[in-house]
PDB file of all heavy atoms in Angstrom:
ATOM      1  N   GLY A   1      56.616  -4.485 -17.205  1.00  0.00           N
ATOM      2  CA  GLY A   1      56.717  -3.443 -18.237  1.00  0.00           C
ATOM      3  C   GLY A   1      55.523  -3.521 -19.213  1.00  0.00           C
ATOM      4  O   GLY A   1      54.388  -3.552 -18.786  1.00  0.00           O
ATOM      5  N   ASP A   2      55.797  -3.559 -20.547  1.00  0.00           N
ATOM      6  CA  ASP A   2      54.775  -3.578 -21.549  1.00  0.00           C
ATOM      7  C   ASP A   2      54.352  -4.969 -21.964  1.00  0.00           C
ATOM      8  O   ASP A   2      53.649  -5.084 -22.997  1.00  0.00           O
ATOM      9  CB  ASP A   2      55.305  -2.814 -22.826  1.00  0.00           C
ATOM     10  CG  ASP A   2      55.381  -1.292 -22.525  1.00  0.00           C
ATOM     11  OD1 ASP A   2      54.555  -0.790 -21.767  1.00  0.00           O
ATOM     12  OD2 ASP A   2      56.236  -0.684 -23.129  1.00  0.00           O
ATOM     13  N   ALA A   3      54.688  -5.960 -21.229  1.00  0.00           N
ATOM     14  CA  ALA A   3      54.363  -7.359 -21.621  1.00  0.00           C
ATOM     15  C   ALA A   3      52.886  -7.615 -21.717  1.00  0.00           C
ATOM     16  O   ALA A   3      52.424  -8.407 -22.519  1.00  0.00           O
ATOM     17  CB  ALA A   3      55.009  -8.347 -20.649  1.00  0.00           C
ATOM     18  N   LEU A   4      52.082  -6.921 -20.928  1.00  0.00           N
ATOM     19  CA  LEU A   4      50.632  -7.099 -20.992  1.00  0.00           C
ATOM     20  C   LEU A   4      50.082  -6.659 -22.321  1.00  0.00           C
ATOM     21  O   LEU A   4      49.224  -7.366 -22.933  1.00  0.00           O
ATOM     22  CB  LEU A   4      49.985  -6.315 -19.883  1.00  0.00           C
ATOM     23  CG  LEU A   4      48.440  -6.402 -19.791  1.00  0.00           C
ATOM     24  CD1 LEU A   4      48.000  -7.848 -19.477  1.00  0.00           C
ATOM     25  CD2 LEU A   4      47.908  -5.468 -18.695  1.00  0.00           C
ATOM     26  N   ARG A   5      50.587  -5.599 -22.876  1.00  0.00           N
ATOM     27  CA  ARG A   5      50.069  -5.061 -24.138  1.00  0.00           C
ATOM     28  C   ARG A   5      50.722  -5.689 -25.410  1.00  0.00           C
ATOM     29  O   ARG A   5      50.209  -5.532 -26.480  1.00  0.00           O
ATOM     30  CB  ARG A   5      50.314  -3.554 -24.180  1.00  0.00           C
ATOM     31  CG  ARG A   5      49.438  -2.796 -23.194  1.00  0.00           C
ATOM     32  CD  ARG A   5      49.556  -1.306 -23.334  1.00  0.00           C
ATOM     33  NE  ARG A   5      50.875  -0.826 -23.103  1.00  0.00           N
ATOM     34  CZ  ARG A   5      51.352  -0.435 -21.911  1.00  0.00           C
ATOM     35  NH1 ARG A   5      50.544  -0.437 -20.863  1.00  0.00           N
ATOM     36  NH2 ARG A   5      52.542   0.029 -21.770  1.00  0.00           N
ATOM     37  N   GLN A   6      51.810  -6.405 -25.232  1.00  0.00           N
ATOM     38  CA  GLN A   6      52.517  -6.919 -26.357  1.00  0.00           C
ATOM     39  C   GLN A   6      52.597  -8.446 -26.329  1.00  0.00           C
ATOM     40  O   GLN A   6      53.637  -9.068 -26.204  1.00  0.00           O
ATOM     41  CB  GLN A   6      53.914  -6.335 -26.427  1.00  0.00           C
ATOM     42  CG  GLN A   6      53.894  -4.816 -26.682  1.00  0.00           C
ATOM     43  CD  GLN A   6      55.259  -4.277 -27.000  1.00  0.00           C
ATOM     44  OE1 GLN A   6      56.067  -4.954 -27.619  1.00  0.00           O
ATOM     45  NE2 GLN A   6      55.462  -3.024 -26.605  1.00  0.00           N
ATOM     46  N   SER A   7      51.452  -9.085 -26.383  1.00  0.00           N
ATOM     47  CA  SER A   7      51.359 -10.542 -26.211  1.00  0.00           C
ATOM     48  C   SER A   7      52.146 -11.309 -27.295  1.00  0.00           C
ATOM     49  O   SER A   7      52.571 -12.411 -27.059  1.00  0.00           O
ATOM     50  CB  SER A   7      49.910 -10.978 -26.166  1.00  0.00           C
ATOM     51  OG  SER A   7      49.258 -10.696 -27.390  1.00  0.00           O
ATOM     52  N   GLN A   8      52.291 -10.750 -28.494  1.00  0.00           N
ATOM     53  CA  GLN A   8      53.021 -11.435 -29.564  1.00  0.00           C
ATOM     54  C   GLN A   8      54.499 -11.563 -29.256  1.00  0.00           C
ATOM     55  O   GLN A   8      55.146 -12.530 -29.698  1.00  0.00           O
ATOM     56  CB  GLN A   8      52.819 -10.700 -30.890  1.00  0.00           C
ATOM     57  CG  GLN A   8      51.440 -10.644 -31.369  1.00  0.00           C
ATOM     58  CD  GLN A   8      50.964 -11.982 -31.916  1.00  0.00           C
ATOM     59  OE1 GLN A   8      51.757 -12.769 -32.377  1.00  0.00           O
ATOM     60  NE2 GLN A   8      49.651 -12.224 -31.866  1.00  0.00           N
ATOM     61  N   ARG A   9      55.058 -10.642 -28.528  1.00  0.00           N
ATOM     62  CA  ARG A   9      56.501 -10.629 -28.273  1.00  0.00           C
ATOM     63  C   ARG A   9      56.895 -11.120 -26.858  1.00  0.00           C
ATOM     64  O   ARG A   9      58.072 -11.256 -26.628  1.00  0.00           O
ATOM     65  CB  ARG A   9      57.005  -9.166 -28.427  1.00  0.00           C
ATOM     66  CG  ARG A   9      56.820  -8.658 -29.823  1.00  0.00           C
ATOM     67  CD  ARG A   9      57.414  -7.235 -29.987  1.00  0.00           C
ATOM     68  NE  ARG A   9      58.782  -7.242 -29.523  1.00  0.00           N
ATOM     69  CZ  ARG A   9      59.220  -6.396 -28.553  1.00  0.00           C
ATOM     70  NH1 ARG A   9      58.429  -5.546 -27.986  1.00  0.00           N
ATOM     71  NH2 ARG A   9      60.506  -6.453 -28.158  1.00  0.00           N
ATOM     72  N   ARG A  10      55.972 -11.311 -26.010  1.00  0.00           N
ATOM     73  CA  ARG A  10      56.339 -11.584 -24.615  1.00  0.00           C
ATOM     74  C   ARG A  10      56.844 -12.974 -24.409  1.00  0.00           C
ATOM     75  O   ARG A  10      56.465 -13.927 -25.066  1.00  0.00           O
ATOM     76  CB  ARG A  10      55.229 -11.236 -23.652  1.00  0.00           C
ATOM     77  CG  ARG A  10      54.085 -12.159 -23.654  1.00  0.00           C
ATOM     78  CD  ARG A  10      53.087 -11.752 -22.547  1.00  0.00           C
ATOM     79  NE  ARG A  10      51.819 -12.441 -22.724  1.00  0.00           N
ATOM     80  CZ  ARG A  10      50.662 -11.852 -22.671  1.00  0.00           C
ATOM     81  NH1 ARG A  10      50.558 -10.543 -22.441  1.00  0.00           N
ATOM     82  NH2 ARG A  10      49.585 -12.549 -22.871  1.00  0.00           N
ATOM     83  N   CYS A  11      57.709 -13.077 -23.405  1.00  0.00           N
ATOM     84  CA  CYS A  11      58.253 -14.361 -22.943  1.00  0.00           C
ATOM     85  C   CYS A  11      57.674 -14.603 -21.539  1.00  0.00           C
ATOM     86  O   CYS A  11      57.255 -13.668 -20.890  1.00  0.00           O
ATOM     87  CB  CYS A  11      59.803 -14.276 -22.852  1.00  0.00           C
ATOM     88  SG  CYS A  11      60.599 -13.859 -24.390  1.00  0.00           S
ATOM     89  N   SER A  12      57.734 -15.818 -21.072  1.00  0.00           N
ATOM     90  CA  SER A  12      57.161 -16.139 -19.768  1.00  0.00           C
ATOM     91  C   SER A  12      57.982 -17.121 -18.997  1.00  0.00           C
ATOM     92  O   SER A  12      58.605 -18.016 -19.603  1.00  0.00           O
ATOM     93  CB  SER A  12      55.741 -16.688 -19.941  1.00  0.00           C
ATOM     94  OG  SER A  12      54.932 -15.829 -20.629  1.00  0.00           O
ATOM     95  N   PHE A  13      58.012 -16.950 -17.719  1.00  0.00           N
ATOM     96  CA  PHE A  13      58.592 -17.928 -16.795  1.00  0.00           C
ATOM     97  C   PHE A  13      57.454 -18.354 -15.883  1.00  0.00           C
ATOM     98  O   PHE A  13      56.689 -17.502 -15.386  1.00  0.00           O
ATOM     99  CB  PHE A  13      59.696 -17.304 -15.928  1.00  0.00           C
ATOM    100  CG  PHE A  13      61.088 -17.683 -16.347  1.00  0.00           C
ATOM    101  CD1 PHE A  13      61.661 -17.076 -17.463  1.00  0.00           C
ATOM    102  CD2 PHE A  13      61.808 -18.582 -15.636  1.00  0.00           C
ATOM    103  CE1 PHE A  13      62.913 -17.400 -17.833  1.00  0.00           C
ATOM    104  CE2 PHE A  13      63.096 -18.914 -15.999  1.00  0.00           C
ATOM    105  CZ  PHE A  13      63.652 -18.345 -17.115  1.00  0.00           C
ATOM    106  N   LEU A  14      57.309 -19.655 -15.659  1.00  0.00           N
ATOM    107  CA  LEU A  14      56.218 -20.200 -14.912  1.00  0.00           C
ATOM    108  C   LEU A  14      56.738 -20.961 -13.702  1.00  0.00           C
ATOM    109  O   LEU A  14      57.752 -21.653 -13.764  1.00  0.00           O
ATOM    110  CB  LEU A  14      55.371 -21.154 -15.744  1.00  0.00           C
ATOM    111  CG  LEU A  14      54.863 -20.595 -17.068  1.00  0.00           C
ATOM    112  CD1 LEU A  14      54.329 -21.753 -17.942  1.00  0.00           C
ATOM    113  CD2 LEU A  14      53.800 -19.570 -16.842  1.00  0.00           C
ATOM    114  N   ASP A  15      56.020 -20.849 -12.615  1.00  0.00           N
ATOM    115  CA  ASP A  15      56.263 -21.689 -11.418  1.00  0.00           C
ATOM    116  C   ASP A  15      54.988 -22.409 -11.141  1.00  0.00           C
ATOM    117  O   ASP A  15      54.101 -21.894 -10.430  1.00  0.00           O
ATOM    118  CB  ASP A  15      56.694 -20.827 -10.226  1.00  0.00           C
ATOM    119  CG  ASP A  15      57.124 -21.698  -9.035  1.00  0.00           C
ATOM    120  OD1 ASP A  15      56.675 -22.857  -8.980  1.00  0.00           O
ATOM    121  OD2 ASP A  15      57.809 -21.168  -8.168  1.00  0.00           O
ATOM    122  N   PRO A  16      54.842 -23.666 -11.641  1.00  0.00           N
ATOM    123  CA  PRO A  16      53.568 -24.378 -11.442  1.00  0.00           C
ATOM    124  C   PRO A  16      53.310 -24.811  -9.988  1.00  0.00           C
ATOM    125  O   PRO A  16      52.158 -25.068  -9.633  1.00  0.00           O
ATOM    126  CB  PRO A  16      53.731 -25.611 -12.360  1.00  0.00           C
ATOM    127  CG  PRO A  16      55.168 -25.741 -12.549  1.00  0.00           C
ATOM    128  CD  PRO A  16      55.790 -24.400 -12.437  1.00  0.00           C
ATOM    129  N   THR A  17      54.329 -24.839  -9.164  1.00  0.00           N
ATOM    130  CA  THR A  17      54.050 -25.243  -7.771  1.00  0.00           C
ATOM    131  C   THR A  17      53.315 -24.189  -7.015  1.00  0.00           C
ATOM    132  O   THR A  17      52.494 -24.545  -6.136  1.00  0.00           O
ATOM    133  CB  THR A  17      55.403 -25.551  -7.032  1.00  0.00           C
ATOM    134  OG1 THR A  17      56.238 -24.336  -7.059  1.00  0.00           O
ATOM    135  CG2 THR A  17      56.136 -26.704  -7.701  1.00  0.00           C
ATOM    136  N   VAL A  18      53.455 -22.940  -7.361  1.00  0.00           N
ATOM    137  CA  VAL A  18      52.705 -21.860  -6.683  1.00  0.00           C
ATOM    138  C   VAL A  18      51.760 -21.161  -7.679  1.00  0.00           C
ATOM    139  O   VAL A  18      51.122 -20.217  -7.286  1.00  0.00           O
ATOM    140  CB  VAL A  18      53.659 -20.856  -5.995  1.00  0.00           C
ATOM    141  CG1 VAL A  18      54.350 -21.474  -4.817  1.00  0.00           C
ATOM    142  CG2 VAL A  18      54.600 -20.227  -6.950  1.00  0.00           C
ATOM    143  N   LYS A  19      51.775 -21.632  -8.914  1.00  0.00           N
ATOM    144  CA  LYS A  19      50.835 -21.128  -9.930  1.00  0.00           C
ATOM    145  C   LYS A  19      51.025 -19.616 -10.181  1.00  0.00           C
ATOM    146  O   LYS A  19      50.113 -18.859 -10.102  1.00  0.00           O
ATOM    147  CB  LYS A  19      49.435 -21.471  -9.603  1.00  0.00           C
ATOM    148  CG  LYS A  19      49.247 -23.014  -9.601  1.00  0.00           C
ATOM    149  CD  LYS A  19      47.789 -23.364  -9.429  1.00  0.00           C
ATOM    150  CE  LYS A  19      47.682 -24.914  -9.512  1.00  0.00           C
ATOM    151  NZ  LYS A  19      46.367 -25.361  -9.336  1.00  0.00           N
ATOM    152  N   VAL A  20      52.277 -19.241 -10.464  1.00  0.00           N
ATOM    153  CA  VAL A  20      52.628 -17.879 -10.787  1.00  0.00           C
ATOM    154  C   VAL A  20      53.350 -17.863 -12.118  1.00  0.00           C
ATOM    155  O   VAL A  20      54.258 -18.671 -12.398  1.00  0.00           O
ATOM    156  CB  VAL A  20      53.544 -17.231  -9.729  1.00  0.00           C
ATOM    157  CG1 VAL A  20      54.034 -15.894 -10.145  1.00  0.00           C
ATOM    158  CG2 VAL A  20      52.787 -17.142  -8.403  1.00  0.00           C
ATOM    159  N   ALA A  21      52.946 -16.935 -13.000  1.00  0.00           N
ATOM    160  CA  ALA A  21      53.601 -16.755 -14.281  1.00  0.00           C
ATOM    161  C   ALA A  21      54.093 -15.280 -14.366  1.00  0.00           C
ATOM    162  O   ALA A  21      53.358 -14.389 -14.060  1.00  0.00           O
ATOM    163  CB  ALA A  21      52.684 -17.043 -15.410  1.00  0.00           C
ATOM    164  N   LEU A  22      55.358 -15.127 -14.721  1.00  0.00           N
ATOM    165  CA  LEU A  22      55.917 -13.806 -14.920  1.00  0.00           C
ATOM    166  C   LEU A  22      56.197 -13.605 -16.391  1.00  0.00           C
ATOM    167  O   LEU A  22      56.881 -14.393 -16.991  1.00  0.00           O
ATOM    168  CB  LEU A  22      57.221 -13.658 -14.117  1.00  0.00           C
ATOM    169  CG  LEU A  22      57.949 -12.289 -14.223  1.00  0.00           C
ATOM    170  CD1 LEU A  22      57.052 -11.128 -13.831  1.00  0.00           C
ATOM    171  CD2 LEU A  22      59.197 -12.292 -13.382  1.00  0.00           C
ATOM    172  N   HIS A  23      55.587 -12.597 -16.966  1.00  0.00           N
ATOM    173  CA  HIS A  23      55.645 -12.316 -18.406  1.00  0.00           C
ATOM    174  C   HIS A  23      56.514 -11.079 -18.617  1.00  0.00           C
ATOM    175  O   HIS A  23      56.313 -10.073 -17.908  1.00  0.00           O
ATOM    176  CB  HIS A  23      54.239 -12.139 -18.983  1.00  0.00           C
ATOM    177  CG  HIS A  23      53.291 -13.178 -18.588  1.00  0.00           C
ATOM    178  ND1 HIS A  23      53.302 -14.439 -19.210  1.00  0.00           N
ATOM    179  CD2 HIS A  23      52.286 -13.212 -17.696  1.00  0.00           C
ATOM    180  CE1 HIS A  23      52.331 -15.191 -18.666  1.00  0.00           C
ATOM    181  NE2 HIS A  23      51.728 -14.461 -17.730  1.00  0.00           N
ATOM    182  N   TYR A  24      57.345 -11.075 -19.603  1.00  0.00           N
ATOM    183  CA  TYR A  24      58.262  -9.970 -19.840  1.00  0.00           C
ATOM    184  C   TYR A  24      58.610  -9.932 -21.326  1.00  0.00           C
ATOM    185  O   TYR A  24      58.316 -10.847 -22.107  1.00  0.00           O
ATOM    186  CB  TYR A  24      59.547 -10.127 -19.032  1.00  0.00           C
ATOM    187  CG  TYR A  24      60.353 -11.369 -19.379  1.00  0.00           C
ATOM    188  CD1 TYR A  24      61.386 -11.254 -20.287  1.00  0.00           C
ATOM    189  CD2 TYR A  24      60.062 -12.607 -18.820  1.00  0.00           C
ATOM    190  CE1 TYR A  24      62.131 -12.402 -20.657  1.00  0.00           C
ATOM    191  CE2 TYR A  24      60.784 -13.713 -19.189  1.00  0.00           C
ATOM    192  CZ  TYR A  24      61.808 -13.639 -20.068  1.00  0.00           C
ATOM    193  OH  TYR A  24      62.531 -14.727 -20.390  1.00  0.00           O
ATOM    194  N   LEU A  25      59.215  -8.838 -21.765  1.00  0.00           N
ATOM    195  CA  LEU A  25      59.651  -8.694 -23.142  1.00  0.00           C
ATOM    196  C   LEU A  25      61.165  -8.962 -23.175  1.00  0.00           C
ATOM    197  O   LEU A  25      61.873  -8.719 -22.184  1.00  0.00           O
ATOM    198  CB  LEU A  25      59.389  -7.290 -23.676  1.00  0.00           C
ATOM    199  CG  LEU A  25      57.873  -6.909 -23.696  1.00  0.00           C
ATOM    200  CD1 LEU A  25      57.720  -5.456 -24.203  1.00  0.00           C
ATOM    201  CD2 LEU A  25      57.104  -7.868 -24.596  1.00  0.00           C
ATOM    202  N   PRO A  26      61.700  -9.453 -24.291  1.00  0.00           N
ATOM    203  CA  PRO A  26      63.105  -9.755 -24.333  1.00  0.00           C
ATOM    204  C   PRO A  26      64.024  -8.634 -23.952  1.00  0.00           C
ATOM    205  O   PRO A  26      65.056  -8.813 -23.278  1.00  0.00           O
ATOM    206  CB  PRO A  26      63.346 -10.168 -25.815  1.00  0.00           C
ATOM    207  CG  PRO A  26      62.005 -10.673 -26.267  1.00  0.00           C
ATOM    208  CD  PRO A  26      60.994  -9.828 -25.514  1.00  0.00           C
ATOM    209  N   GLU A  27      63.643  -7.392 -24.275  1.00  0.00           N
ATOM    210  CA  GLU A  27      64.509  -6.278 -23.959  1.00  0.00           C
ATOM    211  C   GLU A  27      64.472  -5.914 -22.504  1.00  0.00           C
ATOM    212  O   GLU A  27      65.260  -5.127 -21.993  1.00  0.00           O
ATOM    213  CB  GLU A  27      64.136  -5.032 -24.809  1.00  0.00           C
ATOM    214  CG  GLU A  27      62.721  -4.534 -24.635  1.00  0.00           C
ATOM    215  CD  GLU A  27      61.737  -5.094 -25.597  1.00  0.00           C
ATOM    216  OE1 GLU A  27      61.989  -6.178 -26.224  1.00  0.00           O
ATOM    217  OE2 GLU A  27      60.711  -4.501 -25.808  1.00  0.00           O
ATOM    218  N   ASP A  28      63.578  -6.564 -21.708  1.00  0.00           N
ATOM    219  CA  ASP A  28      63.506  -6.319 -20.270  1.00  0.00           C
ATOM    220  C   ASP A  28      64.526  -7.170 -19.502  1.00  0.00           C
ATOM    221  O   ASP A  28      64.733  -6.934 -18.307  1.00  0.00           O
ATOM    222  CB  ASP A  28      62.081  -6.665 -19.757  1.00  0.00           C
ATOM    223  CG  ASP A  28      61.054  -5.664 -20.241  1.00  0.00           C
ATOM    224  OD1 ASP A  28      61.419  -4.491 -20.481  1.00  0.00           O
ATOM    225  OD2 ASP A  28      59.893  -6.071 -20.350  1.00  0.00           O
ATOM    226  N   LEU A  29      65.141  -8.133 -20.129  1.00  0.00           N
ATOM    227  CA  LEU A  29      66.093  -9.004 -19.413  1.00  0.00           C
ATOM    228  C   LEU A  29      67.093  -8.287 -18.605  1.00  0.00           C
ATOM    229  O   LEU A  29      67.375  -8.670 -17.470  1.00  0.00           O
ATOM    230  CB  LEU A  29      66.741  -9.999 -20.380  1.00  0.00           C
ATOM    231  CG  LEU A  29      65.947 -11.271 -20.717  1.00  0.00           C
ATOM    232  CD1 LEU A  29      66.678 -12.083 -21.758  1.00  0.00           C
ATOM    233  CD2 LEU A  29      65.743 -12.124 -19.453  1.00  0.00           C
ATOM    234  N   PRO A  30      67.715  -7.194 -19.063  1.00  0.00           N
ATOM    235  CA  PRO A  30      68.662  -6.514 -18.278  1.00  0.00           C
ATOM    236  C   PRO A  30      68.176  -5.926 -16.933  1.00  0.00           C
ATOM    237  O   PRO A  30      68.923  -5.630 -16.012  1.00  0.00           O
ATOM    238  CB  PRO A  30      69.214  -5.371 -19.156  1.00  0.00           C
ATOM    239  CG  PRO A  30      68.921  -5.852 -20.509  1.00  0.00           C
ATOM    240  CD  PRO A  30      67.672  -6.623 -20.417  1.00  0.00           C
ATOM    241  N   THR A  31      66.860  -5.774 -16.836  1.00  0.00           N
ATOM    242  CA  THR A  31      66.273  -5.185 -15.619  1.00  0.00           C
ATOM    243  C   THR A  31      66.143  -6.227 -14.517  1.00  0.00           C
ATOM    244  O   THR A  31      65.857  -5.856 -13.373  1.00  0.00           O
ATOM    245  CB  THR A  31      64.903  -4.544 -15.845  1.00  0.00           C
ATOM    246  OG1 THR A  31      63.985  -5.533 -16.259  1.00  0.00           O
ATOM    247  CG2 THR A  31      64.994  -3.467 -16.966  1.00  0.00           C
ATOM    248  N   PHE A  32      66.306  -7.485 -14.840  1.00  0.00           N
ATOM    249  CA  PHE A  32      66.228  -8.565 -13.817  1.00  0.00           C
ATOM    250  C   PHE A  32      67.553  -8.661 -13.072  1.00  0.00           C
ATOM    251  O   PHE A  32      68.433  -9.381 -13.517  1.00  0.00           O
ATOM    252  CB  PHE A  32      65.789  -9.879 -14.409  1.00  0.00           C
ATOM    253  CG  PHE A  32      64.462  -9.841 -15.098  1.00  0.00           C
ATOM    254  CD1 PHE A  32      64.333 -10.167 -16.427  1.00  0.00           C
ATOM    255  CD2 PHE A  32      63.328  -9.436 -14.429  1.00  0.00           C
ATOM    256  CE1 PHE A  32      63.115 -10.152 -17.059  1.00  0.00           C
ATOM    257  CE2 PHE A  32      62.082  -9.383 -15.051  1.00  0.00           C
ATOM    258  CZ  PHE A  32      61.961  -9.766 -16.347  1.00  0.00           C
ATOM    259  N   GLN A  33      67.624  -8.003 -11.993  1.00  0.00           N
ATOM    260  CA  GLN A  33      68.861  -8.059 -11.189  1.00  0.00           C
ATOM    261  C   GLN A  33      68.527  -7.831  -9.719  1.00  0.00           C
ATOM    262  O   GLN A  33      67.489  -7.346  -9.408  1.00  0.00           O
ATOM    263  CB  GLN A  33      69.900  -7.032 -11.711  1.00  0.00           C
ATOM    264  CG  GLN A  33      69.357  -5.632 -11.846  1.00  0.00           C
ATOM    265  CD  GLN A  33      70.460  -4.738 -12.415  1.00  0.00           C
ATOM    266  OE1 GLN A  33      71.434  -4.460 -11.753  1.00  0.00           O
ATOM    267  NE2 GLN A  33      70.288  -4.324 -13.634  1.00  0.00           N
ATOM    268  N   GLY A  34      69.468  -8.241  -8.874  1.00  0.00           N
ATOM    269  CA  GLY A  34      69.265  -8.077  -7.469  1.00  0.00           C
ATOM    270  C   GLY A  34      68.903  -9.414  -6.821  1.00  0.00           C
ATOM    271  O   GLY A  34      68.419 -10.352  -7.509  1.00  0.00           O
ATOM    272  N   SER A  35      69.067  -9.534  -5.526  1.00  0.00           N
ATOM    273  CA  SER A  35      68.874 -10.799  -4.859  1.00  0.00           C
ATOM    274  C   SER A  35      67.374 -11.004  -4.393  1.00  0.00           C
ATOM    275  O   SER A  35      67.005 -12.117  -4.100  1.00  0.00           O
ATOM    276  CB  SER A  35      69.782 -10.918  -3.683  1.00  0.00           C
ATOM    277  OG  SER A  35      69.512  -9.868  -2.799  1.00  0.00           O
ATOM    278  N   ARG A  36      66.604  -9.935  -4.399  1.00  0.00           N
ATOM    279  CA  ARG A  36      65.221 -10.041  -3.913  1.00  0.00           C
ATOM    280  C   ARG A  36      64.270  -9.587  -5.024  1.00  0.00           C
ATOM    281  O   ARG A  36      64.539  -8.633  -5.723  1.00  0.00           O
ATOM    282  CB  ARG A  36      64.980  -9.168  -2.690  1.00  0.00           C
ATOM    283  CG  ARG A  36      65.930  -9.369  -1.528  1.00  0.00           C
ATOM    284  CD  ARG A  36      65.892 -10.738  -0.899  1.00  0.00           C
ATOM    285  NE  ARG A  36      64.588 -11.107  -0.432  1.00  0.00           N
ATOM    286  CZ  ARG A  36      64.276 -12.402  -0.113  1.00  0.00           C
ATOM    287  NH1 ARG A  36      65.199 -13.331  -0.211  1.00  0.00           N
ATOM    288  NH2 ARG A  36      63.073 -12.689   0.287  1.00  0.00           N
ATOM    289  N   PRO A  37      63.136 -10.258  -5.163  1.00  0.00           N
ATOM    290  CA  PRO A  37      62.139  -9.859  -6.141  1.00  0.00           C
ATOM    291  C   PRO A  37      61.582  -8.456  -5.798  1.00  0.00           C
ATOM    292  O   PRO A  37      61.418  -8.103  -4.590  1.00  0.00           O
ATOM    293  CB  PRO A  37      61.041 -10.894  -6.029  1.00  0.00           C
ATOM    294  CG  PRO A  37      61.572 -11.991  -5.204  1.00  0.00           C
ATOM    295  CD  PRO A  37      62.735 -11.447  -4.411  1.00  0.00           C
ATOM    296  N   PRO A  38      61.274  -7.648  -6.833  1.00  0.00           N
ATOM    297  CA  PRO A  38      60.782  -6.300  -6.549  1.00  0.00           C
ATOM    298  C   PRO A  38      59.289  -6.236  -6.248  1.00  0.00           C
ATOM    299  O   PRO A  38      58.746  -5.138  -5.974  1.00  0.00           O
ATOM    300  CB  PRO A  38      61.073  -5.553  -7.876  1.00  0.00           C
ATOM    301  CG  PRO A  38      60.970  -6.640  -8.895  1.00  0.00           C
ATOM    302  CD  PRO A  38      61.538  -7.873  -8.228  1.00  0.00           C
ATOM    303  N   HIS A  39      58.622  -7.374  -6.273  1.00  0.00           N
ATOM    304  CA  HIS A  39      57.165  -7.431  -5.983  1.00  0.00           C
ATOM    305  C   HIS A  39      56.912  -8.612  -5.091  1.00  0.00           C
ATOM    306  O   HIS A  39      57.447  -9.695  -5.327  1.00  0.00           O
ATOM    307  CB  HIS A  39      56.381  -7.532  -7.320  1.00  0.00           C
ATOM    308  CG  HIS A  39      54.933  -7.299  -7.131  1.00  0.00           C
ATOM    309  ND1 HIS A  39      54.054  -8.315  -6.745  1.00  0.00           N
ATOM    310  CD2 HIS A  39      54.160  -6.201  -7.292  1.00  0.00           C
ATOM    311  CE1 HIS A  39      52.867  -7.801  -6.631  1.00  0.00           C
ATOM    312  NE2 HIS A  39      52.888  -6.517  -6.995  1.00  0.00           N
TER     313      HIS A  39
END
């Protein structure tokens, strides 16, 4: 979503084993659903 433009408000989940970081805004939490990643 808008996490790229709103660095002050964004949260992040990191996976250091594969070196991937997923950044999101708190209000985006309800959109994380389903058994498979959308990307």
